[in-house]
Amino acid sequence: MSRFRPQLAPTLFTIPVVLVCVALGVWQLQRLDWKRELIAQREAGVAAAPAMPPRSLAEARALEFHPSSPMVSSSMTRSSI
């Protein structure tokens, strides 16, 4: 009866493949936790009381997005978008 002797090439191929599969499985589990937290945040936002609208134009302008990054061009306006 012949004894099983693993070949070098299949072994060298299989070990990294198994490690990659384990790493991808761990990544999927981390992603699942992140996704569950994200869903819980969204559900809490939906269940929360609505925000009051601004009472004045100044309050409304304070809510607008004002980019502070130097990467955003100052010449970019709403009309150019």
Foldseek 3Di string as FASTA:
>chain_A
DDDDDDDDVVVVVVVVVVVVVVVVVVVVVVVVVVVVVVVVVVVVVVPDDDDDDDPDPVVVVVPDDDDPDPVDDPPDDPVND
